[in-house]
PDB file of N, CA and C in Angstrom:
ATOM      1  N   MET A   1      96.828  26.737-126.642  1.00  0.00           N
ATOM      2  CA  MET A   1      96.828  25.993-125.408  1.00  0.00           C
ATOM      3  C   MET A   1      96.883  24.480-125.690  1.00  0.00           C
ATOM      4  N   LYS A   2      96.101  24.032-126.693  1.00  0.00           N
ATOM      5  CA  LYS A   2      96.074  22.621-127.039  1.00  0.00           C
ATOM      6  C   LYS A   2      97.445  22.160-127.545  1.00  0.00           C
ATOM      7  N   VAL A   3      98.104  22.993-128.346  1.00  0.00           N
ATOM      8  CA  VAL A   3      99.429  22.663-128.876  1.00  0.00           C
ATOM      9  C   VAL A   3     100.438  22.553-127.736  1.00  0.00           C
ATOM     10  N   LEU A   4     100.353  23.452-126.773  1.00  0.00           N
ATOM     11  CA  LEU A   4     101.251  23.423-125.619  1.00  0.00           C
ATOM     12  C   LEU A   4     101.067  22.139-124.823  1.00  0.00           C
ATOM     13  N   PHE A   5      99.812  21.719-124.645  1.00  0.00           N
ATOM     14  CA  PHE A   5      99.524  20.484-123.918  1.00  0.00           C
ATOM     15  C   PHE A   5     100.114  19.275-124.641  1.00  0.00           C
ATOM     16  N   ILE A   6      99.917  19.219-125.958  1.00  0.00           N
ATOM     17  CA  ILE A   6     100.447  18.102-126.752  1.00  0.00           C
ATOM     18  C   ILE A   6     101.973  18.105-126.709  1.00  0.00           C
ATOM     19  N   ALA A   7     102.590  19.267-126.790  1.00  0.00           N
ATOM     20  CA  ALA A   7     104.053  19.362-126.705  1.00  0.00           C
ATOM     21  C   ALA A   7     104.533  18.883-125.340  1.00  0.00           C
ATOM     22  N   SER A   8     103.788  19.232-124.302  1.00  0.00           N
ATOM     23  CA  SER A   8     104.150  18.793-122.949  1.00  0.00           C
ATOM     24  C   SER A   8     104.107  17.277-122.845  1.00  0.00           C
ATOM     25  N   LEU A   9     103.093  16.666-123.445  1.00  0.00           N
ATOM     26  CA  LEU A   9     102.996  15.208-123.428  1.00  0.00           C
ATOM     27  C   LEU A   9     104.194  14.572-124.133  1.00  0.00           C
ATOM     28  N   GLY A  10     104.597  15.158-125.258  1.00  0.00           N
ATOM     29  CA  GLY A  10     105.750  14.641-125.991  1.00  0.00           C
ATOM     30  C   GLY A  10     107.022  14.707-125.167  1.00  0.00           C
ATOM     31  N   ILE A  11     107.235  15.820-124.500  1.00  0.00           N
ATOM     32  CA  ILE A  11     108.417  15.983-123.643  1.00  0.00           C
ATOM     33  C   ILE A  11     108.356  15.007-122.480  1.00  0.00           C
ATOM     34  N   ALA A  12     107.177  14.881-121.882  1.00  0.00           N
ATOM     35  CA  ALA A  12     107.026  13.960-120.748  1.00  0.00           C
ATOM     36  C   ALA A  12     107.348  12.525-121.164  1.00  0.00           C
ATOM     37  N   SER A  13     106.918  12.131-122.366  1.00  0.00           N
ATOM     38  CA  SER A  13     107.204  10.768-122.804  1.00  0.00           C
ATOM     39  C   SER A  13     108.694  10.578-123.058  1.00  0.00           C
ATOM     40  N   LEU A  14     109.373  11.595-123.563  1.00  0.00           N
ATOM     41  CA  LEU A  14     110.831  11.498-123.755  1.00  0.00           C
ATOM     42  C   LEU A  14     111.544  11.375-122.425  1.00  0.00           C
ATOM     43  N   ILE A  15     111.117  12.162-121.447  1.00  0.00           N
ATOM     44  CA  ILE A  15     111.725  12.088-120.116  1.00  0.00           C
ATOM     45  C   ILE A  15     111.490  10.720-119.513  1.00  0.00           C
ATOM     46  N   GLN A  16     110.268  10.190-119.620  1.00  0.00           N
ATOM     47  CA  GLN A  16     109.950   8.869-119.090  1.00  0.00           C
ATOM     48  C   GLN A  16     110.801   7.799-119.759  1.00  0.00           C
ATOM     49  N   ALA A  17     110.951   7.884-121.072  1.00  0.00           N
ATOM     50  CA  ALA A  17     111.768   6.912-121.792  1.00  0.00           C
ATOM     51  C   ALA A  17     113.211   6.992-121.322  1.00  0.00           C
ATOM     52  N   SER A  18     113.714   8.193-121.100  1.00  0.00           N
ATOM     53  CA  SER A  18     115.087   8.362-120.632  1.00  0.00           C
ATOM     54  C   SER A  18     115.271   7.771-119.248  1.00  0.00           C
ATOM     55  N   LEU A  19     114.299   7.985-118.358  1.00  0.00           N
ATOM     56  CA  LEU A  19     114.395   7.425-117.017  1.00  0.00           C
ATOM     57  C   LEU A  19     114.359   5.911-117.062  1.00  0.00           C
ATOM     58  N   SER A  20     113.485   5.355-117.893  1.00  0.00           N
ATOM     59  CA  SER A  20     113.389   3.910-118.026  1.00  0.00           C
ATOM     60  C   SER A  20     114.699   3.345-118.565  1.00  0.00           C
ATOM     61  N   PHE A  21     115.274   4.000-119.577  1.00  0.00           N
ATOM     62  CA  PHE A  21     116.548   3.557-120.137  1.00  0.00           C
ATOM     63  C   PHE A  21     117.643   3.618-119.089  1.00  0.00           C
ATOM     64  N   ALA A  22     117.661   4.699-118.308  1.00  0.00           N
ATOM     65  CA  ALA A  22     118.679   4.841-117.260  1.00  0.00           C
ATOM     66  C   ALA A  22     118.568   3.711-116.251  1.00  0.00           C
ATOM     67  N   ASP A  23     117.356   3.358-115.870  1.00  0.00           N
ATOM     68  CA  ASP A  23     117.164   2.263-114.928  1.00  0.00           C
ATOM     69  C   ASP A  23     117.670   0.955-115.516  1.00  0.00           C
ATOM     70  N   ASN A  24     117.402   0.736-116.798  1.00  0.00           N
ATOM     71  CA  ASN A  24     117.844  -0.483-117.439  1.00  0.00           C
ATOM     72  C   ASN A  24     119.368  -0.527-117.514  1.00  0.00           C
ATOM     73  N   VAL A  25     120.006   0.609-117.715  1.00  0.00           N
ATOM     74  CA  VAL A  25     121.473   0.666-117.732  1.00  0.00           C
ATOM     75  C   VAL A  25     122.010   0.268-116.355  1.00  0.00           C
ATOM     76  N   ASN A  26     121.380   0.755-115.293  1.00  0.00           N
ATOM     77  CA  ASN A  26     121.789   0.373-113.941  1.00  0.00           C
ATOM     78  C   ASN A  26     121.634  -1.137-113.758  1.00  0.00           C
ATOM     79  N   GLY A  27     120.495  -1.690-114.174  1.00  0.00           N
ATOM     80  CA  GLY A  27     120.279  -3.131-114.059  1.00  0.00           C
ATOM     81  C   GLY A  27     121.300  -3.921-114.852  1.00  0.00           C
ATOM     82  N   LYS A  28     121.590  -3.458-116.058  1.00  0.00           N
ATOM     83  CA  LYS A  28     122.580  -4.145-116.899  1.00  0.00           C
ATOM     84  C   LYS A  28     123.957  -4.092-116.253  1.00  0.00           C
ATOM     85  N   ASN A  29     124.347  -2.927-115.767  1.00  0.00           N
ATOM     86  CA  ASN A  29     125.664  -2.802-115.123  1.00  0.00           C
ATOM     87  C   ASN A  29     125.778  -3.702-113.905  1.00  0.00           C
ATOM     88  N   LEU A  30     124.743  -3.727-113.077  1.00  0.00           N
ATOM     89  CA  LEU A  30     124.761  -4.600-111.895  1.00  0.00           C
ATOM     90  C   LEU A  30     124.873  -6.065-112.313  1.00  0.00           C
ATOM     91  N   TYR A  31     124.082  -6.446-113.312  1.00  0.00           N
ATOM     92  CA  TYR A  31     124.113  -7.832-113.772  1.00  0.00           C
ATOM     93  C   TYR A  31     125.506  -8.204-114.292  1.00  0.00           C
ATOM     94  N   LEU A  32     126.054  -7.360-115.158  1.00  0.00           N
ATOM     95  CA  LEU A  32     127.360  -7.670-115.750  1.00  0.00           C
ATOM     96  C   LEU A  32     128.460  -7.718-114.698  1.00  0.00           C
ATOM     97  N   GLN A  33     128.392  -6.846-113.707  1.00  0.00           N
ATOM     98  CA  GLN A  33     129.430  -6.788-112.680  1.00  0.00           C
ATOM     99  C   GLN A  33     129.287  -7.876-111.620  1.00  0.00           C
ATOM    100  N   ARG A  34     128.049  -8.311-111.322  1.00  0.00           N
ATOM    101  CA  ARG A  34     127.851  -9.143-110.156  1.00  0.00           C
ATOM    102  C   ARG A  34     127.216 -10.506-110.437  1.00  0.00           C
ATOM    103  N   CYS A  35     126.721 -10.738-111.645  1.00  0.00           N
ATOM    104  CA  CYS A  35     125.993 -11.979-111.928  1.00  0.00           C
ATOM    105  C   CYS A  35     126.543 -12.752-113.123  1.00  0.00           C
ATOM    106  N   SER A  36     127.064 -12.028-114.105  1.00  0.00           N
ATOM    107  CA  SER A  36     127.430 -12.667-115.380  1.00  0.00           C
ATOM    108  C   SER A  36     128.579 -13.657-115.249  1.00  0.00           C
ATOM    109  N   MET A  37     129.394 -13.548-114.213  1.00  0.00           N
ATOM    110  CA  MET A  37     130.508 -14.490-114.064  1.00  0.00           C
ATOM    111  C   MET A  37     130.016 -15.930-113.910  1.00  0.00           C
ATOM    112  N   CYS A  38     128.801 -16.085-113.430  1.00  0.00           N
ATOM    113  CA  CYS A  38     128.212 -17.426-113.335  1.00  0.00           C
ATOM    114  C   CYS A  38     127.133 -17.627-114.404  1.00  0.00           C
ATOM    115  N   HIS A  39     126.219 -16.672-114.514  1.00  0.00           N
ATOM    116  CA  HIS A  39     125.076 -16.836-115.405  1.00  0.00           C
ATOM    117  C   HIS A  39     125.376 -16.479-116.855  1.00  0.00           C
ATOM    118  N   GLY A  40     126.507 -15.833-117.120  1.00  0.00           N
ATOM    119  CA  GLY A  40     126.869 -15.454-118.477  1.00  0.00           C
ATOM    120  C   GLY A  40     126.130 -14.213-118.930  1.00  0.00           C
ATOM    121  N   VAL A  41     126.655 -13.571-119.948  1.00  0.00           N
ATOM    122  CA  VAL A  41     126.054 -12.357-120.479  1.00  0.00           C
ATOM    123  C   VAL A  41     124.644 -12.647-120.993  1.00  0.00           C
ATOM    124  N   ASP A  42     124.422 -13.857-121.492  1.00  0.00           N
ATOM    125  CA  ASP A  42     123.127 -14.229-122.078  1.00  0.00           C
ATOM    126  C   ASP A  42     122.151 -14.825-121.068  1.00  0.00           C
ATOM    127  N   LEU A  43     122.527 -14.916-119.793  1.00  0.00           N
ATOM    128  CA  LEU A  43     121.712 -15.468-118.703  1.00  0.00           C
ATOM    129  C   LEU A  43     121.513 -16.979-118.806  1.00  0.00           C
ATOM    130  N   LYS A  44     122.242 -17.649-119.687  1.00  0.00           N
ATOM    131  CA  LYS A  44     122.036 -19.069-119.948  1.00  0.00           C
ATOM    132  C   LYS A  44     123.044 -19.972-119.229  1.00  0.00           C
ATOM    133  N   ALA A  45     123.600 -19.496-118.126  1.00  0.00           N
ATOM    134  CA  ALA A  45     124.583 -20.269-117.358  1.00  0.00           C
ATOM    135  C   ALA A  45     125.819 -20.568-118.188  1.00  0.00           C
ATOM    136  N   THR A  46     126.307 -19.549-118.894  1.00  0.00           N
ATOM    137  CA  THR A  46     127.475 -19.715-119.751  1.00  0.00           C
ATOM    138  C   THR A  46     128.688 -18.956-119.230  1.00  0.00           C
ATOM    139  N   GLY A  47     128.596 -18.422-118.018  1.00  0.00           N
ATOM    140  CA  GLY A  47     129.722 -17.690-117.446  1.00  0.00           C
ATOM    141  C   GLY A  47     130.861 -18.623-117.087  1.00  0.00           C
ATOM    142  N   PRO A  48     132.047 -18.073-116.881  1.00  0.00           N
ATOM    143  CA  PRO A  48     133.213 -18.910-116.587  1.00  0.00           C
ATOM    144  C   PRO A  48     133.096 -19.729-115.301  1.00  0.00           C
ATOM    145  N   LEU A  49     132.223 -19.334-114.384  1.00  0.00           N
ATOM    146  CA  LEU A  49     132.057 -20.087-113.139  1.00  0.00           C
ATOM    147  C   LEU A  49     130.792 -20.940-113.129  1.00  0.00           C
ATOM    148  N   ALA A  50     130.102 -21.021-114.240  1.00  0.00           N
ATOM    149  CA  ALA A  50     128.794 -21.693-114.304  1.00  0.00           C
ATOM    150  C   ALA A  50     128.819 -23.130-113.786  1.00  0.00           C
ATOM    151  N   ASN A  51     129.838 -23.862-114.125  1.00  0.00           N
ATOM    152  CA  ASN A  51     129.898 -25.273-113.718  1.00  0.00           C
ATOM    153  C   ASN A  51     130.803 -25.510-112.518  1.00  0.00           C
ATOM    154  N   LYS A  52     131.163 -24.449-111.836  1.00  0.00           N
ATOM    155  CA  LYS A  52     132.075 -24.589-110.711  1.00  0.00           C
ATOM    156  C   LYS A  52     131.367 -24.512-109.375  1.00  0.00           C
ATOM    157  N   SER A  53     130.048 -24.435-109.393  1.00  0.00           N
ATOM    158  CA  SER A  53     129.300 -24.441-108.140  1.00  0.00           C
ATOM    159  C   SER A  53     128.518 -25.748-108.052  1.00  0.00           C
ATOM    160  N   ASN A  54     128.122 -26.089-106.859  1.00  0.00           N
ATOM    161  CA  ASN A  54     127.338 -27.290-106.645  1.00  0.00           C
ATOM    162  C   ASN A  54     126.117 -26.922-105.823  1.00  0.00           C
ATOM    163  N   PRO A  55     124.933 -26.888-106.434  1.00  0.00           N
ATOM    164  CA  PRO A  55     124.598 -27.299-107.787  1.00  0.00           C
ATOM    165  C   PRO A  55     125.098 -26.294-108.813  1.00  0.00           C
ATOM    166  N   PRO A  56     125.199 -26.746-110.074  1.00  0.00           N
ATOM    167  CA  PRO A  56     125.650 -25.840-111.141  1.00  0.00           C
ATOM    168  C   PRO A  56     124.704 -24.649-111.296  1.00  0.00           C
ATOM    169  N   THR A  57     125.204 -23.589-111.843  1.00  0.00           N
ATOM    170  CA  THR A  57     124.440 -22.368-112.078  1.00  0.00           C
ATOM    171  C   THR A  57     123.261 -22.649-113.005  1.00  0.00           C
ATOM    172  N   PRO A  58     122.062 -22.169-112.643  1.00  0.00           N
ATOM    173  CA  PRO A  58     120.909 -22.413-113.510  1.00  0.00           C
ATOM    174  C   PRO A  58     120.829 -21.447-114.695  1.00  0.00           C
ATOM    175  N   ASP A  59     120.229 -21.926-115.762  1.00  0.00           N
ATOM    176  CA  ASP A  59     119.910 -21.123-116.941  1.00  0.00           C
ATOM    177  C   ASP A  59     118.707 -20.260-116.572  1.00  0.00           C
ATOM    178  N   LEU A  60     118.864 -18.949-116.616  1.00  0.00           N
ATOM    179  CA  LEU A  60     117.800 -18.036-116.219  1.00  0.00           C
ATOM    180  C   LEU A  60     116.837 -17.711-117.353  1.00  0.00           C
ATOM    181  N   THR A  61     117.039 -18.302-118.526  1.00  0.00           N
ATOM    182  CA  THR A  61     116.156 -18.002-119.654  1.00  0.00           C
ATOM    183  C   THR A  61     115.055 -19.050-119.833  1.00  0.00           C
ATOM    184  N   THR A  62     115.006 -20.026-118.959  1.00  0.00           N
ATOM    185  CA  THR A  62     113.977 -21.056-119.090  1.00  0.00           C
ATOM    186  C   THR A  62     112.599 -20.463-118.845  1.00  0.00           C
ATOM    187  N   SER A  63     111.591 -21.111-119.398  1.00  0.00           N
ATOM    188  CA  SER A  63     110.227 -20.616-119.207  1.00  0.00           C
ATOM    189  C   SER A  63     109.822 -20.670-117.740  1.00  0.00           C
ATOM    190  N   ALA A  64     110.319 -21.640-116.993  1.00  0.00           N
ATOM    191  CA  ALA A  64     109.986 -21.735-115.568  1.00  0.00           C
ATOM    192  C   ALA A  64     110.546 -20.532-114.797  1.00  0.00           C
ATOM    193  N   PHE A  65     111.787 -20.150-115.093  1.00  0.00           N
ATOM    194  CA  PHE A  65     112.353 -18.992-114.396  1.00  0.00           C
ATOM    195  C   PHE A  65     111.654 -17.713-114.824  1.00  0.00           C
ATOM    196  N   LYS A  66     111.359 -17.590-116.112  1.00  0.00           N
ATOM    197  CA  LYS A  66     110.657 -16.402-116.603  1.00  0.00           C
ATOM    198  C   LYS A  66     109.310 -16.258-115.898  1.00  0.00           C
ATOM    199  N   LYS A  67     108.596 -17.359-115.720  1.00  0.00           N
ATOM    200  CA  LYS A  67     107.310 -17.319-115.025  1.00  0.00           C
ATOM    201  C   LYS A  67     107.496 -16.872-113.578  1.00  0.00           C
ATOM    202  N   ARG A  68     108.499 -17.417-112.902  1.00  0.00           N
ATOM    203  CA  ARG A  68     108.755 -17.004-111.511  1.00  0.00           C
ATOM    204  C   ARG A  68     109.103 -15.526-111.438  1.00  0.00           C
ATOM    205  N   LEU A  69     109.897 -15.048-112.376  1.00  0.00           N
ATOM    206  CA  LEU A  69     110.287 -13.639-112.401  1.00  0.00           C
ATOM    207  C   LEU A  69     109.062 -12.745-112.619  1.00  0.00           C
ATOM    208  N   ASN A  70     108.144 -13.189-113.490  1.00  0.00           N
ATOM    209  CA  ASN A  70     106.921 -12.423-113.741  1.00  0.00           C
ATOM    210  C   ASN A  70     105.937 -12.516-112.577  1.00  0.00           C
ATOM    211  N   ASP A  71     105.803 -13.699-111.990  1.00  0.00           N
ATOM    212  CA  ASP A  71     104.853 -13.894-110.890  1.00  0.00           C
ATOM    213  C   ASP A  71     105.280 -13.190-109.613  1.00  0.00           C
ATOM    214  N   TYR A  72     106.565 -13.107-109.393  1.00  0.00           N
ATOM    215  CA  TYR A  72     107.098 -12.515-108.161  1.00  0.00           C
ATOM    216  C   TYR A  72     108.163 -11.475-108.500  1.00  0.00           C
ATOM    217  N   PRO A  73     107.769 -10.367-109.144  1.00  0.00           N
ATOM    218  CA  PRO A  73     108.770  -9.380-109.577  1.00  0.00           C
ATOM    219  C   PRO A  73     109.602  -8.854-108.410  1.00  0.00           C
ATOM    220  N   GLY A  74     110.888  -8.930-108.576  1.00  0.00           N
ATOM    221  CA  GLY A  74     111.803  -8.423-107.561  1.00  0.00           C
ATOM    222  C   GLY A  74     112.094  -9.410-106.453  1.00  0.00           C
ATOM    223  N   VAL A  75     111.159 -10.298-106.163  1.00  0.00           N
ATOM    224  CA  VAL A  75     111.346 -11.238-105.059  1.00  0.00           C
ATOM    225  C   VAL A  75     112.449 -12.228-105.384  1.00  0.00           C
ATOM    226  N   ILE A  76     112.435 -12.749-106.598  1.00  0.00           N
ATOM    227  CA  ILE A  76     113.445 -13.727-106.997  1.00  0.00           C
ATOM    228  C   ILE A  76     114.828 -13.088-106.948  1.00  0.00           C
ATOM    229  N   VAL A  77     114.954 -11.924-107.556  1.00  0.00           N
ATOM    230  CA  VAL A  77     116.242 -11.234-107.594  1.00  0.00           C
ATOM    231  C   VAL A  77     116.727 -10.925-106.177  1.00  0.00           C
ATOM    232  N   SER A  78     115.869 -10.348-105.359  1.00  0.00           N
ATOM    233  CA  SER A  78     116.300  -9.964-104.011  1.00  0.00           C
ATOM    234  C   SER A  78     116.615 -11.189-103.160  1.00  0.00           C
ATOM    235  N   SER A  79     115.863 -12.270-103.334  1.00  0.00           N
ATOM    236  CA  SER A  79     116.130 -13.454-102.522  1.00  0.00           C
ATOM    237  C   SER A  79     117.459 -14.098-102.885  1.00  0.00           C
ATOM    238  N   ILE A  80     117.811 -14.048-104.159  1.00  0.00           N
ATOM    239  CA  ILE A  80     119.110 -14.598-104.573  1.00  0.00           C
ATOM    240  C   ILE A  80     120.237 -13.754-103.987  1.00  0.00           C
ATOM    241  N   ILE A  81     120.070 -12.452-104.079  1.00  0.00           N
ATOM    242  CA  ILE A  81     121.100 -11.556-103.559  1.00  0.00           C
ATOM    243  C   ILE A  81     121.245 -11.700-102.051  1.00  0.00           C
ATOM    244  N   LEU A  82     120.121 -11.924-101.367  1.00  0.00           N
ATOM    245  CA  LEU A  82     120.156 -12.077 -99.916  1.00  0.00           C
ATOM    246  C   LEU A  82     120.545 -13.488 -99.491  1.00  0.00           C
ATOM    247  N   ARG A  83     120.826 -14.359-100.452  1.00  0.00           N
ATOM    248  CA  ARG A  83     121.401 -15.685-100.258  1.00  0.00           C
ATOM    249  C   ARG A  83     120.583 -16.659 -99.414  1.00  0.00           C
ATOM    250  N   PRO A  84     119.426 -17.066 -99.880  1.00  0.00           N
ATOM    251  CA  PRO A  84     118.691 -18.078 -99.129  1.00  0.00           C
ATOM    252  C   PRO A  84     119.396 -19.435 -99.193  1.00  0.00           C
ATOM    253  N   ASN A  85     120.329 -19.552-100.138  1.00  0.00           N
ATOM    254  CA  ASN A  85     121.057 -20.806-100.327  1.00  0.00           C
ATOM    255  C   ASN A  85     122.316 -20.867 -99.464  1.00  0.00           C
ATOM    256  N   GLY A  86     122.362 -20.048 -98.433  1.00  0.00           N
ATOM    257  CA  GLY A  86     123.508 -20.071 -97.538  1.00  0.00           C
ATOM    258  C   GLY A  86     124.736 -19.453 -98.168  1.00  0.00           C
ATOM    259  N   ASP A  87     125.796 -20.216 -98.223  1.00  0.00           N
ATOM    260  CA  ASP A  87     127.096 -19.692 -98.634  1.00  0.00           C
ATOM    261  C   ASP A  87     127.460 -20.062-100.073  1.00  0.00           C
ATOM    262  N   LEU A  88     126.530 -20.558-100.852  1.00  0.00           N
ATOM    263  CA  LEU A  88     126.855 -21.067-102.192  1.00  0.00           C
ATOM    264  C   LEU A  88     127.537 -20.023-103.072  1.00  0.00           C
ATOM    265  N   ILE A  89     126.945 -18.849-103.198  1.00  0.00           N
ATOM    266  CA  ILE A  89     127.514 -17.825-104.076  1.00  0.00           C
ATOM    267  C   ILE A  89     128.861 -17.331-103.542  1.00  0.00           C
ATOM    268  N   PRO A  90     128.943 -16.897-102.277  1.00  0.00           N
ATOM    269  CA  PRO A  90     130.252 -16.436-101.782  1.00  0.00           C
ATOM    270  C   PRO A  90     131.321 -17.529-101.822  1.00  0.00           C
ATOM    271  N   ARG A  91     130.934 -18.775-101.522  1.00  0.00           N
ATOM    272  CA  ARG A  91     131.900 -19.875-101.535  1.00  0.00           C
ATOM    273  C   ARG A  91     132.422 -20.118-102.946  1.00  0.00           C
ATOM    274  N   THR A  92     131.523 -20.127-103.928  1.00  0.00           N
ATOM    275  CA  THR A  92     131.935 -20.343-105.321  1.00  0.00           C
ATOM    276  C   THR A  92     132.899 -19.252-105.758  1.00  0.00           C
ATOM    277  N   LEU A  93     132.595 -18.007-105.422  1.00  0.00           N
ATOM    278  CA  LEU A  93     133.493 -16.903-105.775  1.00  0.00           C
ATOM    279  C   LEU A  93     134.836 -17.063-105.075  1.00  0.00           C
ATOM    280  N   ARG A  94     134.796 -17.340-103.784  1.00  0.00           N
ATOM    281  CA  ARG A  94     136.020 -17.493-102.984  1.00  0.00           C
ATOM    282  C   ARG A  94     136.899 -18.617-103.534  1.00  0.00           C
ATOM    283  N   GLU A  95     136.289 -19.779-103.797  1.00  0.00           N
ATOM    284  CA  GLU A  95     137.044 -20.947-104.272  1.00  0.00           C
ATOM    285  C   GLU A  95     137.671 -20.715-105.644  1.00  0.00           C
ATOM    286  N   ASN A  96     137.156 -19.755-106.378  1.00  0.00           N
ATOM    287  CA  ASN A  96     137.666 -19.481-107.718  1.00  0.00           C
ATOM    288  C   ASN A  96     138.422 -18.165-107.802  1.00  0.00           C
ATOM    289  N   GLY A  97     138.760 -17.609-106.642  1.00  0.00           N
ATOM    290  CA  GLY A  97     139.584 -16.409-106.588  1.00  0.00           C
ATOM    291  C   GLY A  97     138.929 -15.137-107.092  1.00  0.00           C
ATOM    292  N   VAL A  98     137.601 -15.100-107.118  1.00  0.00           N
ATOM    293  CA  VAL A  98     136.888 -13.910-107.574  1.00  0.00           C
ATOM    294  C   VAL A  98     136.553 -13.052-106.366  1.00  0.00           C
ATOM    295  N   LYS A  99     136.992 -11.810-106.409  1.00  0.00           N
ATOM    296  CA  LYS A  99     136.728 -10.894-105.302  1.00  0.00           C
ATOM    297  C   LYS A  99     135.776  -9.800-105.767  1.00  0.00           C
ATOM    298  N   LEU A 100     134.620  -9.758-105.140  1.00  0.00           N
ATOM    299  CA  LEU A 100     133.652  -8.699-105.400  1.00  0.00           C
ATOM    300  C   LEU A 100     133.613  -7.802-104.182  1.00  0.00           C
ATOM    301  N   SER A 101     133.674  -6.528-104.405  1.00  0.00           N
ATOM    302  CA  SER A 101     133.577  -5.620-103.274  1.00  0.00           C
ATOM    303  C   SER A 101     132.149  -5.653-102.746  1.00  0.00           C
ATOM    304  N   PRO A 102     131.985  -5.437-101.448  1.00  0.00           N
ATOM    305  CA  PRO A 102     130.632  -5.396-100.888  1.00  0.00           C
ATOM    306  C   PRO A 102     129.810  -4.325-101.595  1.00  0.00           C
ATOM    307  N   TYR A 103     128.531  -4.558-101.661  1.00  0.00           N
ATOM    308  CA  TYR A 103     127.649  -3.616-102.338  1.00  0.00           C
ATOM    309  C   TYR A 103     126.417  -3.394-101.477  1.00  0.00           C
ATOM    310  N   ALA A 104     126.064  -2.149-101.271  1.00  0.00           N
ATOM    311  CA  ALA A 104     124.877  -1.790-100.488  1.00  0.00           C
ATOM    312  C   ALA A 104     123.680  -1.730-101.442  1.00  0.00           C
ATOM    313  N   TRP A 105     122.970  -2.829-101.548  1.00  0.00           N
ATOM    314  CA  TRP A 105     121.834  -2.924-102.475  1.00  0.00           C
ATOM    315  C   TRP A 105     120.719  -1.988-102.045  1.00  0.00           C
ATOM    316  N   ARG A 106     120.165  -1.292-103.029  1.00  0.00           N
ATOM    317  CA  ARG A 106     118.995  -0.440-102.808  1.00  0.00           C
ATOM    318  C   ARG A 106     117.802  -1.116-103.477  1.00  0.00           C
ATOM    319  N   ILE A 107     116.623  -0.766-103.055  1.00  0.00           N
ATOM    320  CA  ILE A 107     115.421  -1.324-103.673  1.00  0.00           C
ATOM    321  C   ILE A 107     115.417  -1.016-105.164  1.00  0.00           C
ATOM    322  N   LYS A 108     115.834   0.178-105.528  1.00  0.00           N
ATOM    323  CA  LYS A 108     115.905   0.570-106.939  1.00  0.00           C
ATOM    324  C   LYS A 108     116.823  -0.379-107.713  1.00  0.00           C
ATOM    325  N   ASP A 109     117.934  -0.776-107.120  1.00  0.00           N
ATOM    326  CA  ASP A 109     118.858  -1.704-107.781  1.00  0.00           C
ATOM    327  C   ASP A 109     118.183  -3.048-108.051  1.00  0.00           C
ATOM    328  N   LEU A 110     117.441  -3.548-107.075  1.00  0.00           N
ATOM    329  CA  LEU A 110     116.753  -4.828-107.244  1.00  0.00           C
ATOM    330  C   LEU A 110     115.714  -4.737-108.348  1.00  0.00           C
ATOM    331  N   ARG A 111     114.995  -3.616-108.378  1.00  0.00           N
ATOM    332  CA  ARG A 111     113.991  -3.422-109.435  1.00  0.00           C
ATOM    333  C   ARG A 111     114.657  -3.306-110.803  1.00  0.00           C
ATOM    334  N   ASP A 112     115.743  -2.544-110.873  1.00  0.00           N
ATOM    335  CA  ASP A 112     116.446  -2.373-112.147  1.00  0.00           C
ATOM    336  C   ASP A 112     117.008  -3.705-112.649  1.00  0.00           C
ATOM    337  N   LEU A 113     117.577  -4.483-111.748  1.00  0.00           N
ATOM    338  CA  LEU A 113     118.126  -5.784-112.126  1.00  0.00           C
ATOM    339  C   LEU A 113     117.019  -6.713-112.607  1.00  0.00           C
ATOM    340  N   ASN A 114     115.894  -6.708-111.909  1.00  0.00           N
ATOM    341  CA  ASN A 114     114.747  -7.517-112.308  1.00  0.00           C
ATOM    342  C   ASN A 114     114.259  -7.108-113.698  1.00  0.00           C
ATOM    343  N   GLU A 115     114.173  -5.800-113.938  1.00  0.00           N
ATOM    344  CA  GLU A 115     113.724  -5.297-115.238  1.00  0.00           C
ATOM    345  C   GLU A 115     114.705  -5.695-116.341  1.00  0.00           C
ATOM    346  N   TYR A 116     115.978  -5.552-116.065  1.00  0.00           N
ATOM    347  CA  TYR A 116     116.991  -5.903-117.066  1.00  0.00           C
ATOM    348  C   TYR A 116     116.905  -7.392-117.411  1.00  0.00           C
ATOM    349  N   MET A 117     116.879  -8.239-116.391  1.00  0.00           N
ATOM    350  CA  MET A 117     116.836  -9.678-116.629  1.00  0.00           C
ATOM    351  C   MET A 117     115.564 -10.062-117.383  1.00  0.00           C
ATOM    352  N   GLY A 118     114.437  -9.474-117.018  1.00  0.00           N
ATOM    353  CA  GLY A 118     113.190  -9.761-117.714  1.00  0.00           C
ATOM    354  C   GLY A 118     113.281  -9.388-119.189  1.00  0.00           C
ATOM    355  N   GLY A 119     113.927  -8.262-119.481  1.00  0.00           N
ATOM    356  CA  GLY A 119     114.101  -7.830-120.867  1.00  0.00           C
ATOM    357  C   GLY A 119     114.982  -8.774-121.651  1.00  0.00           C
ATOM    358  N   VAL A 120     116.061  -9.232-121.063  1.00  0.00           N
ATOM    359  CA  VAL A 120     116.971 -10.165-121.762  1.00  0.00           C
ATOM    360  C   VAL A 120     116.265 -11.498-121.987  1.00  0.00           C
ATOM    361  N   ILE A 121     115.522 -11.959-120.989  1.00  0.00           N
ATOM    362  CA  ILE A 121     114.799 -13.233-121.120  1.00  0.00           C
ATOM    363  C   ILE A 121     113.774 -13.129-122.251  1.00  0.00           C
ATOM    364  N   SER A 122     113.065 -12.020-122.325  1.00  0.00           N
ATOM    365  CA  SER A 122     112.055 -11.840-123.375  1.00  0.00           C
ATOM    366  C   SER A 122     112.679 -11.855-124.763  1.00  0.00           C
ATOM    367  N   LYS A 123     113.864 -11.272-124.894  1.00  0.00           N
ATOM    368  CA  LYS A 123     114.561 -11.252-126.186  1.00  0.00           C
ATOM    369  C   LYS A 123     115.037 -12.650-126.574  1.00  0.00           C
ATOM    370  N   ASN A 124     115.370 -13.483-125.576  1.00  0.00           N
ATOM    371  CA  ASN A 124     115.894 -14.826-125.843  1.00  0.00           C
ATOM    372  C   ASN A 124     114.806 -15.820-126.226  1.00  0.00           C
ATOM    373  N   ARG A 125     113.585 -15.509-125.970  1.00  0.00           N
ATOM    374  CA  ARG A 125     112.502 -16.463-126.246  1.00  0.00           C
ATOM    375  C   ARG A 125     111.846 -16.191-127.547  1.00  0.00           C
TER     376      ARG A 125
END
């Protein structure tokens, strides 16, 4: 019975790791498809459109942004996507001929994107 319990724990941890990895893949895919054109693959504002917006695209690897991301998990990501800055993101894309299809964001997507960005920021520091 004890061996069965320990084996169950091992399987459960593998399943949990797989689910976590899957979520991170979703976050990475969303980031690469919808954010990297400005923020760059490294989140350091190195994308091809980084300097084509006014104000310029911010470096997301700074300690100040990392603190905001940790203090308000998901809030920063969702607020950017919901565009508190008005038309800045759509205008920058439009002016540079970038067409993104509309996307129906789910809460899971916002969490996955937040997790992915937090992981990349941690690796960069």
